[in-house]
Amino acid sequence: MFSNLIFFAPVLIGLTGAALVLGPYMAAVYQGRVGALRPVENALYRLCGISGAGQQWTGYARRFCCSTRQALWFCISFWRTQQWLPVNPQGFGPMSPDQAFNTAISFVTDTNWQS
C-alpha cells in the first residue's frame, strides 16, 4: 500500500504543477486574449503556410478523407513489404493482401480488429 503511494505522489504533484502553470495560459487562449506564446505560434503558422482564415466543413472533410487514405495505404504497404524492412528480427514475411487491408483498416479506424 505504501509503495503505491510512493509512485502515485510524484505523478499527482507533477500533474498539479502542470495544471497550475498551463491553466492560466489555456484560459487566456480560450478567452481570445493574447498568450505568451502567440509570437511562436504565429511564426509556426507562417512557416507551415497556414492563414488565419477559418475552414469550411467541406474542406475539413476532404482533408480528413485524404489523410485517412494516405494512412491506410501506408499501413498496407508497410505490412506487405515488411520482409524487406531493416528492423524485422523475427523474419516475418509479408501479410496476405486481405490481412494487410483488414489490419490497416483496424489501425486507421481504431477498432482493434487485428489478428
PDB file of N, CA and C in Angstrom:
ATOM      1  N   MET A   1       0.819  -1.193   0.000  1.00  0.00           N
ATOM      2  CA  MET A   1       0.000   0.000   0.000  1.00  0.00           C
ATOM      3  C   MET A   1       0.862   1.256   0.000  1.00  0.00           C
ATOM      4  N   PHE A   2       1.846   1.295   0.869  1.00  0.00           N
ATOM      5  CA  PHE A   2       2.708   2.469   0.967  1.00  0.00           C
ATOM      6  C   PHE A   2       3.550   2.635  -0.297  1.00  0.00           C
ATOM      7  N   SER A   3       4.000   1.515  -0.889  1.00  0.00           N
ATOM      8  CA  SER A   3       4.818   1.612  -2.108  1.00  0.00           C
ATOM      9  C   SER A   3       4.012   2.196  -3.262  1.00  0.00           C
ATOM     10  N   ASN A   4       2.700   1.940  -3.310  1.00  0.00           N
ATOM     11  CA  ASN A   4       1.865   2.540  -4.343  1.00  0.00           C
ATOM     12  C   ASN A   4       1.798   4.052  -4.186  1.00  0.00           C
ATOM     13  N   LEU A   5       1.751   4.523  -2.962  1.00  0.00           N
ATOM     14  CA  LEU A   5       1.713   5.964  -2.722  1.00  0.00           C
ATOM     15  C   LEU A   5       3.021   6.633  -3.122  1.00  0.00           C
ATOM     16  N   ILE A   6       4.118   5.917  -2.969  1.00  0.00           N
ATOM     17  CA  ILE A   6       5.423   6.464  -3.351  1.00  0.00           C
ATOM     18  C   ILE A   6       5.456   6.743  -4.849  1.00  0.00           C
ATOM     19  N   PHE A   7       4.840   5.884  -5.652  1.00  0.00           N
ATOM     20  CA  PHE A   7       4.818   6.096  -7.094  1.00  0.00           C
ATOM     21  C   PHE A   7       3.702   7.052  -7.514  1.00  0.00           C
ATOM     22  N   PHE A   8       2.612   7.101  -6.777  1.00  0.00           N
ATOM     23  CA  PHE A   8       1.479   7.934  -7.135  1.00  0.00           C
ATOM     24  C   PHE A   8       1.708   9.406  -6.792  1.00  0.00           C
ATOM     25  N   ALA A   9       2.393   9.677  -5.709  1.00  0.00           N
ATOM     26  CA  ALA A   9       2.591  11.051  -5.247  1.00  0.00           C
ATOM     27  C   ALA A   9       3.338  11.916  -6.259  1.00  0.00           C
ATOM     28  N   PRO A  10       4.460  11.472  -6.849  1.00  0.00           N
ATOM     29  CA  PRO A  10       5.136  12.332  -7.836  1.00  0.00           C
ATOM     30  C   PRO A  10       4.278  12.609  -9.069  1.00  0.00           C
ATOM     31  N   VAL A  11       3.476  11.643  -9.473  1.00  0.00           N
ATOM     32  CA  VAL A  11       2.597  11.861 -10.619  1.00  0.00           C
ATOM     33  C   VAL A  11       1.555  12.922 -10.274  1.00  0.00           C
ATOM     34  N   LEU A  12       0.970  12.802  -9.114  1.00  0.00           N
ATOM     35  CA  LEU A  12      -0.038  13.771  -8.681  1.00  0.00           C
ATOM     36  C   LEU A  12       0.561  15.166  -8.528  1.00  0.00           C
ATOM     37  N   ILE A  13       1.747  15.260  -7.964  1.00  0.00           N
ATOM     38  CA  ILE A  13       2.419  16.553  -7.814  1.00  0.00           C
ATOM     39  C   ILE A  13       2.760  17.140  -9.178  1.00  0.00           C
ATOM     40  N   GLY A  14       3.241  16.320 -10.096  1.00  0.00           N
ATOM     41  CA  GLY A  14       3.574  16.793 -11.441  1.00  0.00           C
ATOM     42  C   GLY A  14       2.356  17.284 -12.203  1.00  0.00           C
ATOM     43  N   LEU A  15       1.259  16.544 -12.120  1.00  0.00           N
ATOM     44  CA  LEU A  15       0.038  16.970 -12.804  1.00  0.00           C
ATOM     45  C   LEU A  15      -0.520  18.261 -12.215  1.00  0.00           C
ATOM     46  N   THR A  16      -0.456  18.380 -10.901  1.00  0.00           N
ATOM     47  CA  THR A  16      -0.929  19.606 -10.257  1.00  0.00           C
ATOM     48  C   THR A  16      -0.069  20.793 -10.664  1.00  0.00           C
ATOM     49  N   GLY A  17       1.234  20.597 -10.680  1.00  0.00           N
ATOM     50  CA  GLY A  17       2.129  21.670 -11.110  1.00  0.00           C
ATOM     51  C   GLY A  17       1.892  22.073 -12.559  1.00  0.00           C
ATOM     52  N   ALA A  18       1.690  21.099 -13.430  1.00  0.00           N
ATOM     53  CA  ALA A  18       1.423  21.403 -14.836  1.00  0.00           C
ATOM     54  C   ALA A  18       0.109  22.154 -14.985  1.00  0.00           C
ATOM     55  N   ALA A  19      -0.900  21.767 -14.213  1.00  0.00           N
ATOM     56  CA  ALA A  19      -2.195  22.454 -14.282  1.00  0.00           C
ATOM     57  C   ALA A  19      -2.071  23.892 -13.796  1.00  0.00           C
ATOM     58  N   LEU A  20      -1.286  24.118 -12.764  1.00  0.00           N
ATOM     59  CA  LEU A  20      -1.124  25.480 -12.247  1.00  0.00           C
ATOM     60  C   LEU A  20      -0.362  26.367 -13.225  1.00  0.00           C
ATOM     61  N   VAL A  21       0.568  25.779 -13.955  1.00  0.00           N
ATOM     62  CA  VAL A  21       1.360  26.559 -14.906  1.00  0.00           C
ATOM     63  C   VAL A  21       0.595  26.760 -16.217  1.00  0.00           C
ATOM     64  N   LEU A  22       0.011  25.702 -16.755  1.00  0.00           N
ATOM     65  CA  LEU A  22      -0.642  25.778 -18.066  1.00  0.00           C
ATOM     66  C   LEU A  22      -2.080  26.275 -18.011  1.00  0.00           C
ATOM     67  N   GLY A  23      -2.730  26.169 -16.870  1.00  0.00           N
ATOM     68  CA  GLY A  23      -4.126  26.567 -16.750  1.00  0.00           C
ATOM     69  C   GLY A  23      -4.394  28.012 -17.114  1.00  0.00           C
ATOM     70  N   PRO A  24      -3.667  28.978 -16.532  1.00  0.00           N
ATOM     71  CA  PRO A  24      -3.908  30.382 -16.898  1.00  0.00           C
ATOM     72  C   PRO A  24      -3.640  30.665 -18.375  1.00  0.00           C
ATOM     73  N   TYR A  25      -2.628  30.034 -18.940  1.00  0.00           N
ATOM     74  CA  TYR A  25      -2.344  30.247 -20.367  1.00  0.00           C
ATOM     75  C   TYR A  25      -3.485  29.715 -21.226  1.00  0.00           C
ATOM     76  N   MET A  26      -3.973  28.519 -20.916  1.00  0.00           N
ATOM     77  CA  MET A  26      -5.069  27.949 -21.692  1.00  0.00           C
ATOM     78  C   MET A  26      -6.335  28.794 -21.546  1.00  0.00           C
ATOM     79  N   ALA A  27      -6.588  29.320 -20.355  1.00  0.00           N
ATOM     80  CA  ALA A  27      -7.753  30.186 -20.152  1.00  0.00           C
ATOM     81  C   ALA A  27      -7.631  31.447 -21.003  1.00  0.00           C
ATOM     82  N   ALA A  28      -6.441  32.017 -21.081  1.00  0.00           N
ATOM     83  CA  ALA A  28      -6.237  33.213 -21.901  1.00  0.00           C
ATOM     84  C   ALA A  28      -6.429  32.906 -23.381  1.00  0.00           C
ATOM     85  N   VAL A  29      -5.961  31.763 -23.822  1.00  0.00           N
ATOM     86  CA  VAL A  29      -6.127  31.381 -25.227  1.00  0.00           C
ATOM     87  C   VAL A  29      -7.600  31.193 -25.552  1.00  0.00           C
ATOM     88  N   TYR A  30      -8.336  30.494 -24.700  1.00  0.00           N
ATOM     89  CA  TYR A  30      -9.758  30.226 -24.960  1.00  0.00           C
ATOM     90  C   TYR A  30     -10.608  31.489 -24.873  1.00  0.00           C
ATOM     91  N   GLN A  31     -10.154  32.465 -24.107  1.00  0.00           N
ATOM     92  CA  GLN A  31     -10.899  33.719 -23.988  1.00  0.00           C
ATOM     93  C   GLN A  31     -10.513  34.717 -25.065  1.00  0.00           C
ATOM     94  N   GLY A  32      -9.550  34.374 -25.906  1.00  0.00           N
ATOM     95  CA  GLY A  32      -9.168  35.254 -27.005  1.00  0.00           C
ATOM     96  C   GLY A  32      -8.121  36.281 -26.661  1.00  0.00           C
ATOM     97  N   ARG A  33      -7.631  36.276 -25.440  1.00  0.00           N
ATOM     98  CA  ARG A  33      -6.555  37.196 -25.082  1.00  0.00           C
ATOM     99  C   ARG A  33      -5.248  36.663 -25.667  1.00  0.00           C
ATOM    100  N   VAL A  34      -4.304  37.542 -25.850  1.00  0.00           N
ATOM    101  CA  VAL A  34      -3.013  37.140 -26.403  1.00  0.00           C
ATOM    102  C   VAL A  34      -2.217  36.411 -25.338  1.00  0.00           C
ATOM    103  N   GLY A  35      -1.742  35.214 -25.657  1.00  0.00           N
ATOM    104  CA  GLY A  35      -0.937  34.441 -24.730  1.00  0.00           C
ATOM    105  C   GLY A  35       0.535  34.733 -24.909  1.00  0.00           C
ATOM    106  N   ALA A  36       1.334  34.224 -24.019  1.00  0.00           N
ATOM    107  CA  ALA A  36       2.776  34.470 -24.055  1.00  0.00           C
ATOM    108  C   ALA A  36       3.442  33.796 -25.257  1.00  0.00           C
ATOM    109  N   LEU A  37       2.852  32.738 -25.771  1.00  0.00           N
ATOM    110  CA  LEU A  37       3.462  32.012 -26.878  1.00  0.00           C
ATOM    111  C   LEU A  37       2.885  32.401 -28.234  1.00  0.00           C
ATOM    112  N   ARG A  38       2.104  33.491 -28.303  1.00  0.00           N
ATOM    113  CA  ARG A  38       1.484  33.915 -29.563  1.00  0.00           C
ATOM    114  C   ARG A  38       2.518  34.166 -30.661  1.00  0.00           C
ATOM    115  N   PRO A  39       3.671  34.828 -30.395  1.00  0.00           N
ATOM    116  CA  PRO A  39       4.660  35.029 -31.461  1.00  0.00           C
ATOM    117  C   PRO A  39       5.217  33.707 -32.007  1.00  0.00           C
ATOM    118  N   VAL A  40       5.431  32.745 -31.137  1.00  0.00           N
ATOM    119  CA  VAL A  40       5.921  31.438 -31.581  1.00  0.00           C
ATOM    120  C   VAL A  40       4.859  30.754 -32.438  1.00  0.00           C
ATOM    121  N   GLU A  41       3.606  30.845 -32.006  1.00  0.00           N
ATOM    122  CA  GLU A  41       2.501  30.249 -32.760  1.00  0.00           C
ATOM    123  C   GLU A  41       2.374  30.891 -34.138  1.00  0.00           C
ATOM    124  N   ASN A  42       2.454  32.212 -34.205  1.00  0.00           N
ATOM    125  CA  ASN A  42       2.360  32.907 -35.492  1.00  0.00           C
ATOM    126  C   ASN A  42       3.521  32.546 -36.409  1.00  0.00           C
ATOM    127  N   ALA A  43       4.725  32.403 -35.850  1.00  0.00           N
ATOM    128  CA  ALA A  43       5.882  32.013 -36.658  1.00  0.00           C
ATOM    129  C   ALA A  43       5.689  30.608 -37.226  1.00  0.00           C
ATOM    130  N   LEU A  44       5.164  29.702 -36.414  1.00  0.00           N
ATOM    131  CA  LEU A  44       4.912  28.342 -36.915  1.00  0.00           C
ATOM    132  C   LEU A  44       3.837  28.343 -37.994  1.00  0.00           C
ATOM    133  N   TYR A  45       2.798  29.161 -37.833  1.00  0.00           N
ATOM    134  CA  TYR A  45       1.765  29.278 -38.863  1.00  0.00           C
ATOM    135  C   TYR A  45       2.361  29.774 -40.180  1.00  0.00           C
ATOM    136  N   ARG A  46       3.201  30.826 -40.109  1.00  0.00           N
ATOM    137  CA  ARG A  46       3.824  31.338 -41.327  1.00  0.00           C
ATOM    138  C   ARG A  46       4.717  30.291 -41.963  1.00  0.00           C
ATOM    139  N   LEU A  47       5.479  29.561 -41.150  1.00  0.00           N
ATOM    140  CA  LEU A  47       6.379  28.536 -41.664  1.00  0.00           C
ATOM    141  C   LEU A  47       5.615  27.422 -42.376  1.00  0.00           C
ATOM    142  N   CYS A  48       4.450  27.067 -41.851  1.00  0.00           N
ATOM    143  CA  CYS A  48       3.638  25.995 -42.435  1.00  0.00           C
ATOM    144  C   CYS A  48       2.689  26.486 -43.514  1.00  0.00           C
ATOM    145  N   GLY A  49       2.616  27.795 -43.732  1.00  0.00           N
ATOM    146  CA  GLY A  49       1.729  28.338 -44.751  1.00  0.00           C
ATOM    147  C   GLY A  49       0.266  28.327 -44.352  1.00  0.00           C
ATOM    148  N   ILE A  50      -0.014  28.459 -43.063  1.00  0.00           N
ATOM    149  CA  ILE A  50      -1.388  28.452 -42.562  1.00  0.00           C
ATOM    150  C   ILE A  50      -1.863  29.887 -42.415  1.00  0.00           C
ATOM    151  N   SER A  51      -3.017  30.179 -42.981  1.00  0.00           N
ATOM    152  CA  SER A  51      -3.581  31.517 -42.822  1.00  0.00           C
ATOM    153  C   SER A  51      -4.492  31.536 -41.601  1.00  0.00           C
ATOM    154  N   GLY A  52      -4.892  32.707 -41.200  1.00  0.00           N
ATOM    155  CA  GLY A  52      -5.762  32.827 -40.039  1.00  0.00           C
ATOM    156  C   GLY A  52      -7.231  32.614 -40.366  1.00  0.00           C
ATOM    157  N   ALA A  53      -7.544  32.386 -41.640  1.00  0.00           N
ATOM    158  CA  ALA A  53      -8.937  32.215 -42.042  1.00  0.00           C
ATOM    159  C   ALA A  53      -9.474  30.884 -41.532  1.00  0.00           C
ATOM    160  N   GLY A  54     -10.764  30.844 -41.314  1.00  0.00           N
ATOM    161  CA  GLY A  54     -11.404  29.611 -40.872  1.00  0.00           C
ATOM    162  C   GLY A  54     -11.504  28.588 -41.996  1.00  0.00           C
ATOM    163  N   GLN A  55     -12.074  27.461 -41.682  1.00  0.00           N
ATOM    164  CA  GLN A  55     -12.191  26.382 -42.647  1.00  0.00           C
ATOM    165  C   GLN A  55     -13.635  25.893 -42.684  1.00  0.00           C
ATOM    166  N   GLN A  56     -14.147  25.681 -43.869  1.00  0.00           N
ATOM    167  CA  GLN A  56     -15.494  25.140 -44.029  1.00  0.00           C
ATOM    168  C   GLN A  56     -15.478  23.644 -43.743  1.00  0.00           C
ATOM    169  N   TRP A  57     -16.647  23.101 -43.441  1.00  0.00           N
ATOM    170  CA  TRP A  57     -16.716  21.673 -43.128  1.00  0.00           C
ATOM    171  C   TRP A  57     -16.357  20.823 -44.339  1.00  0.00           C
ATOM    172  N   THR A  58     -16.613  21.320 -45.547  1.00  0.00           N
ATOM    173  CA  THR A  58     -16.292  20.527 -46.739  1.00  0.00           C
ATOM    174  C   THR A  58     -14.777  20.401 -46.917  1.00  0.00           C
ATOM    175  N   GLY A  59     -14.060  21.481 -46.637  1.00  0.00           N
ATOM    176  CA  GLY A  59     -12.601  21.408 -46.715  1.00  0.00           C
ATOM    177  C   GLY A  59     -12.024  20.481 -45.669  1.00  0.00           C
ATOM    178  N   TYR A  60     -12.592  20.561 -44.457  1.00  0.00           N
ATOM    179  CA  TYR A  60     -12.134  19.665 -43.394  1.00  0.00           C
ATOM    180  C   TYR A  60     -12.404  18.207 -43.771  1.00  0.00           C
ATOM    181  N   ALA A  61     -13.600  17.911 -44.281  1.00  0.00           N
ATOM    182  CA  ALA A  61     -13.946  16.539 -44.661  1.00  0.00           C
ATOM    183  C   ALA A  61     -13.029  16.035 -45.770  1.00  0.00           C
ATOM    184  N   ARG A  62     -12.725  16.891 -46.744  1.00  0.00           N
ATOM    185  CA  ARG A  62     -11.834  16.498 -47.843  1.00  0.00           C
ATOM    186  C   ARG A  62     -10.437  16.164 -47.313  1.00  0.00           C
ATOM    187  N   ARG A  63      -9.907  17.008 -46.437  1.00  0.00           N
ATOM    188  CA  ARG A  63      -8.570  16.765 -45.896  1.00  0.00           C
ATOM    189  C   ARG A  63      -8.547  15.547 -44.970  1.00  0.00           C
ATOM    190  N   PHE A  64      -9.624  15.359 -44.225  1.00  0.00           N
ATOM    191  CA  PHE A  64      -9.711  14.194 -43.355  1.00  0.00           C
ATOM    192  C   PHE A  64      -9.708  12.911 -44.175  1.00  0.00           C
ATOM    193  N   CYS A  65     -10.486  12.864 -45.233  1.00  0.00           N
ATOM    194  CA  CYS A  65     -10.527  11.669 -46.086  1.00  0.00           C
ATOM    195  C   CYS A  65      -9.183  11.433 -46.762  1.00  0.00           C
ATOM    196  N   CYS A  66      -8.521  12.500 -47.181  1.00  0.00           N
ATOM    197  CA  CYS A  66      -7.217  12.369 -47.835  1.00  0.00           C
ATOM    198  C   CYS A  66      -6.175  11.812 -46.867  1.00  0.00           C
ATOM    199  N   SER A  67      -6.134  12.347 -45.654  1.00  0.00           N
ATOM    200  CA  SER A  67      -5.143  11.854 -44.690  1.00  0.00           C
ATOM    201  C   SER A  67      -5.461  10.428 -44.248  1.00  0.00           C
ATOM    202  N   THR A  68      -6.733  10.077 -44.159  1.00  0.00           N
ATOM    203  CA  THR A  68      -7.104   8.707 -43.813  1.00  0.00           C
ATOM    204  C   THR A  68      -6.678   7.750 -44.917  1.00  0.00           C
ATOM    205  N   ARG A  69      -6.899   8.145 -46.165  1.00  0.00           N
ATOM    206  CA  ARG A  69      -6.492   7.307 -47.293  1.00  0.00           C
ATOM    207  C   ARG A  69      -4.974   7.122 -47.309  1.00  0.00           C
ATOM    208  N   GLN A  70      -4.227   8.194 -47.036  1.00  0.00           N
ATOM    209  CA  GLN A  70      -2.768   8.083 -47.017  1.00  0.00           C
ATOM    210  C   GLN A  70      -2.305   7.150 -45.897  1.00  0.00           C
ATOM    211  N   ALA A  71      -2.907   7.261 -44.725  1.00  0.00           N
ATOM    212  CA  ALA A  71      -2.542   6.373 -43.618  1.00  0.00           C
ATOM    213  C   ALA A  71      -2.877   4.932 -43.951  1.00  0.00           C
ATOM    214  N   LEU A  72      -4.009   4.708 -44.600  1.00  0.00           N
ATOM    215  CA  LEU A  72      -4.421   3.355 -44.982  1.00  0.00           C
ATOM    216  C   LEU A  72      -3.410   2.736 -45.946  1.00  0.00           C
ATOM    217  N   TRP A  73      -3.041   3.471 -46.980  1.00  0.00           N
ATOM    218  CA  TRP A  73      -2.095   2.931 -47.949  1.00  0.00           C
ATOM    219  C   TRP A  73      -0.695   2.771 -47.362  1.00  0.00           C
ATOM    220  N   PHE A  74      -0.301   3.650 -46.456  1.00  0.00           N
ATOM    221  CA  PHE A  74       0.990   3.476 -45.798  1.00  0.00           C
ATOM    222  C   PHE A  74       1.008   2.183 -44.986  1.00  0.00           C
ATOM    223  N   CYS A  75      -0.056   1.946 -44.212  1.00  0.00           N
ATOM    224  CA  CYS A  75      -0.117   0.730 -43.392  1.00  0.00           C
ATOM    225  C   CYS A  75      -0.133  -0.519 -44.255  1.00  0.00           C
ATOM    226  N   ILE A  76      -0.920  -0.503 -45.320  1.00  0.00           N
ATOM    227  CA  ILE A  76      -0.971  -1.677 -46.202  1.00  0.00           C
ATOM    228  C   ILE A  76       0.397  -1.944 -46.808  1.00  0.00           C
ATOM    229  N   SER A  77       1.060  -0.909 -47.320  1.00  0.00           N
ATOM    230  CA  SER A  77       2.373  -1.115 -47.928  1.00  0.00           C
ATOM    231  C   SER A  77       3.402  -1.542 -46.891  1.00  0.00           C
ATOM    232  N   PHE A  78       3.265  -1.056 -45.662  1.00  0.00           N
ATOM    233  CA  PHE A  78       4.183  -1.463 -44.589  1.00  0.00           C
ATOM    234  C   PHE A  78       4.098  -2.971 -44.358  1.00  0.00           C
ATOM    235  N   TRP A  79       2.881  -3.489 -44.196  1.00  0.00           N
ATOM    236  CA  TRP A  79       2.743  -4.916 -43.893  1.00  0.00           C
ATOM    237  C   TRP A  79       2.965  -5.805 -45.103  1.00  0.00           C
ATOM    238  N   ARG A  80       2.772  -5.276 -46.301  1.00  0.00           N
ATOM    239  CA  ARG A  80       3.026  -6.078 -47.494  1.00  0.00           C
ATOM    240  C   ARG A  80       4.514  -6.164 -47.802  1.00  0.00           C
ATOM    241  N   THR A  81       5.323  -5.228 -47.313  1.00  0.00           N
ATOM    242  CA  THR A  81       6.766  -5.221 -47.600  1.00  0.00           C
ATOM    243  C   THR A  81       7.617  -5.412 -46.358  1.00  0.00           C
ATOM    244  N   GLN A  82       7.044  -5.928 -45.289  1.00  0.00           N
ATOM    245  CA  GLN A  82       7.795  -6.000 -44.039  1.00  0.00           C
ATOM    246  C   GLN A  82       8.989  -6.951 -44.102  1.00  0.00           C
ATOM    247  N   GLN A  83       9.023  -7.893 -45.031  1.00  0.00           N
ATOM    248  CA  GLN A  83      10.164  -8.800 -45.118  1.00  0.00           C
ATOM    249  C   GLN A  83      11.431  -8.081 -45.555  1.00  0.00           C
ATOM    250  N   TRP A  84      11.311  -6.908 -46.191  1.00  0.00           N
ATOM    251  CA  TRP A  84      12.477  -6.152 -46.649  1.00  0.00           C
ATOM    252  C   TRP A  84      12.827  -4.989 -45.727  1.00  0.00           C
ATOM    253  N   LEU A  85      12.043  -4.761 -44.716  1.00  0.00           N
ATOM    254  CA  LEU A  85      12.307  -3.643 -43.820  1.00  0.00           C
ATOM    255  C   LEU A  85      13.502  -3.945 -42.918  1.00  0.00           C
ATOM    256  N   PRO A  86      14.258  -2.925 -42.503  1.00  0.00           N
ATOM    257  CA  PRO A  86      15.503  -3.170 -41.760  1.00  0.00           C
ATOM    258  C   PRO A  86      15.300  -3.761 -40.368  1.00  0.00           C
ATOM    259  N   VAL A  87      14.239  -3.423 -39.675  1.00  0.00           N
ATOM    260  CA  VAL A  87      14.046  -3.922 -38.322  1.00  0.00           C
ATOM    261  C   VAL A  87      12.958  -4.994 -38.352  1.00  0.00           C
ATOM    262  N   ASN A  88      13.391  -6.226 -38.605  1.00  0.00           N
ATOM    263  CA  ASN A  88      12.479  -7.367 -38.655  1.00  0.00           C
ATOM    264  C   ASN A  88      13.229  -8.564 -38.050  1.00  0.00           C
ATOM    265  N   PRO A  89      13.511  -8.536 -36.740  1.00  0.00           N
ATOM    266  CA  PRO A  89      14.364  -9.565 -36.141  1.00  0.00           C
ATOM    267  C   PRO A  89      13.766 -10.966 -36.205  1.00  0.00           C
ATOM    268  N   GLN A  90      12.449 -11.076 -36.270  1.00  0.00           N
ATOM    269  CA  GLN A  90      11.830 -12.391 -36.310  1.00  0.00           C
ATOM    270  C   GLN A  90      11.668 -12.910 -37.728  1.00  0.00           C
ATOM    271  N   GLY A  91      12.018 -12.124 -38.707  1.00  0.00           N
ATOM    272  CA  GLY A  91      11.976 -12.554 -40.089  1.00  0.00           C
ATOM    273  C   GLY A  91      10.572 -12.787 -40.621  1.00  0.00           C
ATOM    274  N   PHE A  92       9.618 -11.962 -40.211  1.00  0.00           N
ATOM    275  CA  PHE A  92       8.252 -12.115 -40.705  1.00  0.00           C
ATOM    276  C   PHE A  92       8.208 -11.877 -42.204  1.00  0.00           C
ATOM    277  N   GLY A  93       7.419 -12.657 -42.893  1.00  0.00           N
ATOM    278  CA  GLY A  93       7.174 -12.457 -44.309  1.00  0.00           C
ATOM    279  C   GLY A  93       6.048 -11.466 -44.496  1.00  0.00           C
ATOM    280  N   PRO A  94       5.666 -11.228 -45.751  1.00  0.00           N
ATOM    281  CA  PRO A  94       4.594 -10.261 -45.996  1.00  0.00           C
ATOM    282  C   PRO A  94       3.241 -10.811 -45.563  1.00  0.00           C
ATOM    283  N   MET A  95       2.370  -9.914 -45.136  1.00  0.00           N
ATOM    284  CA  MET A  95       0.994 -10.314 -44.837  1.00  0.00           C
ATOM    285  C   MET A  95       0.269 -10.550 -46.147  1.00  0.00           C
ATOM    286  N   SER A  96      -0.740 -11.376 -46.093  1.00  0.00           N
ATOM    287  CA  SER A  96      -1.579 -11.549 -47.275  1.00  0.00           C
ATOM    288  C   SER A  96      -2.324 -10.241 -47.542  1.00  0.00           C
ATOM    289  N   PRO A  97      -2.720  -9.993 -48.781  1.00  0.00           N
ATOM    290  CA  PRO A  97      -3.380  -8.718 -49.092  1.00  0.00           C
ATOM    291  C   PRO A  97      -4.632  -8.468 -48.251  1.00  0.00           C
ATOM    292  N   ASP A  98      -5.459  -9.488 -48.061  1.00  0.00           N
ATOM    293  CA  ASP A  98      -6.676  -9.259 -47.286  1.00  0.00           C
ATOM    294  C   ASP A  98      -6.377  -9.019 -45.818  1.00  0.00           C
ATOM    295  N   GLN A  99      -5.367  -9.705 -45.278  1.00  0.00           N
ATOM    296  CA  GLN A  99      -4.994  -9.497 -43.881  1.00  0.00           C
ATOM    297  C   GLN A  99      -4.365  -8.119 -43.688  1.00  0.00           C
ATOM    298  N   ALA A 100      -3.531  -7.682 -44.632  1.00  0.00           N
ATOM    299  CA  ALA A 100      -2.929  -6.352 -44.548  1.00  0.00           C
ATOM    300  C   ALA A 100      -4.003  -5.273 -44.618  1.00  0.00           C
ATOM    301  N   PHE A 101      -4.992  -5.458 -45.501  1.00  0.00           N
ATOM    302  CA  PHE A 101      -6.071  -4.482 -45.614  1.00  0.00           C
ATOM    303  C   PHE A 101      -6.897  -4.442 -44.331  1.00  0.00           C
ATOM    304  N   ASN A 102      -7.236  -5.607 -43.790  1.00  0.00           N
ATOM    305  CA  ASN A 102      -8.032  -5.672 -42.570  1.00  0.00           C
ATOM    306  C   ASN A 102      -7.289  -5.027 -41.396  1.00  0.00           C
ATOM    307  N   THR A 103      -6.003  -5.302 -41.258  1.00  0.00           N
ATOM    308  CA  THR A 103      -5.220  -4.729 -40.170  1.00  0.00           C
ATOM    309  C   THR A 103      -5.060  -3.221 -40.351  1.00  0.00           C
ATOM    310  N   ALA A 104      -4.868  -2.768 -41.587  1.00  0.00           N
ATOM    311  CA  ALA A 104      -4.739  -1.334 -41.842  1.00  0.00           C
ATOM    312  C   ALA A 104      -6.043  -0.608 -41.516  1.00  0.00           C
ATOM    313  N   ILE A 105      -7.171  -1.185 -41.918  1.00  0.00           N
ATOM    314  CA  ILE A 105      -8.460  -0.580 -41.588  1.00  0.00           C
ATOM    315  C   ILE A 105      -8.624  -0.511 -40.076  1.00  0.00           C
ATOM    316  N   SER A 106      -8.183  -1.567 -39.393  1.00  0.00           N
ATOM    317  CA  SER A 106      -8.292  -1.597 -37.940  1.00  0.00           C
ATOM    318  C   SER A 106      -7.460  -0.485 -37.297  1.00  0.00           C
ATOM    319  N   PHE A 107      -6.241  -0.268 -37.790  1.00  0.00           N
ATOM    320  CA  PHE A 107      -5.399   0.781 -37.232  1.00  0.00           C
ATOM    321  C   PHE A 107      -5.950   2.165 -37.542  1.00  0.00           C
ATOM    322  N   VAL A 108      -6.402   2.384 -38.761  1.00  0.00           N
ATOM    323  CA  VAL A 108      -6.851   3.713 -39.172  1.00  0.00           C
ATOM    324  C   VAL A 108      -8.152   4.085 -38.467  1.00  0.00           C
ATOM    325  N   THR A 109      -9.043   3.118 -38.274  1.00  0.00           N
ATOM    326  CA  THR A 109     -10.323   3.413 -37.629  1.00  0.00           C
ATOM    327  C   THR A 109     -10.304   3.149 -36.132  1.00  0.00           C
ATOM    328  N   ASP A 110      -9.191   2.623 -35.612  1.00  0.00           N
ATOM    329  CA  ASP A 110      -9.026   2.342 -34.186  1.00  0.00           C
ATOM    330  C   ASP A 110     -10.120   1.419 -33.653  1.00  0.00           C
ATOM    331  N   THR A 111     -10.310   0.300 -34.369  1.00  0.00           N
ATOM    332  CA  THR A 111     -11.358  -0.648 -33.957  1.00  0.00           C
ATOM    333  C   THR A 111     -10.789  -1.930 -33.359  1.00  0.00           C
ATOM    334  N   ASN A 112      -9.475  -2.120 -33.398  1.00  0.00           N
ATOM    335  CA  ASN A 112      -8.817  -3.289 -32.802  1.00  0.00           C
ATOM    336  C   ASN A 112      -9.343  -4.609 -33.352  1.00  0.00           C
ATOM    337  N   TRP A 113      -9.329  -4.736 -34.657  1.00  0.00           N
ATOM    338  CA  TRP A 113      -9.704  -5.992 -35.308  1.00  0.00           C
ATOM    339  C   TRP A 113      -8.498  -6.830 -35.692  1.00  0.00           C
ATOM    340  N   GLN A 114      -7.303  -6.431 -35.303  1.00  0.00           N
ATOM    341  CA  GLN A 114      -6.094  -7.140 -35.738  1.00  0.00           C
ATOM    342  C   GLN A 114      -6.129  -8.581 -35.254  1.00  0.00           C
ATOM    343  N   SER A 115      -5.581  -9.452 -36.091  1.00  0.00           N
ATOM    344  CA  SER A 115      -5.449 -10.855 -35.662  1.00  0.00           C
ATOM    345  C   SER A 115      -3.977 -11.172 -35.478  1.00  0.00           C
TER     346      SER A 115
END
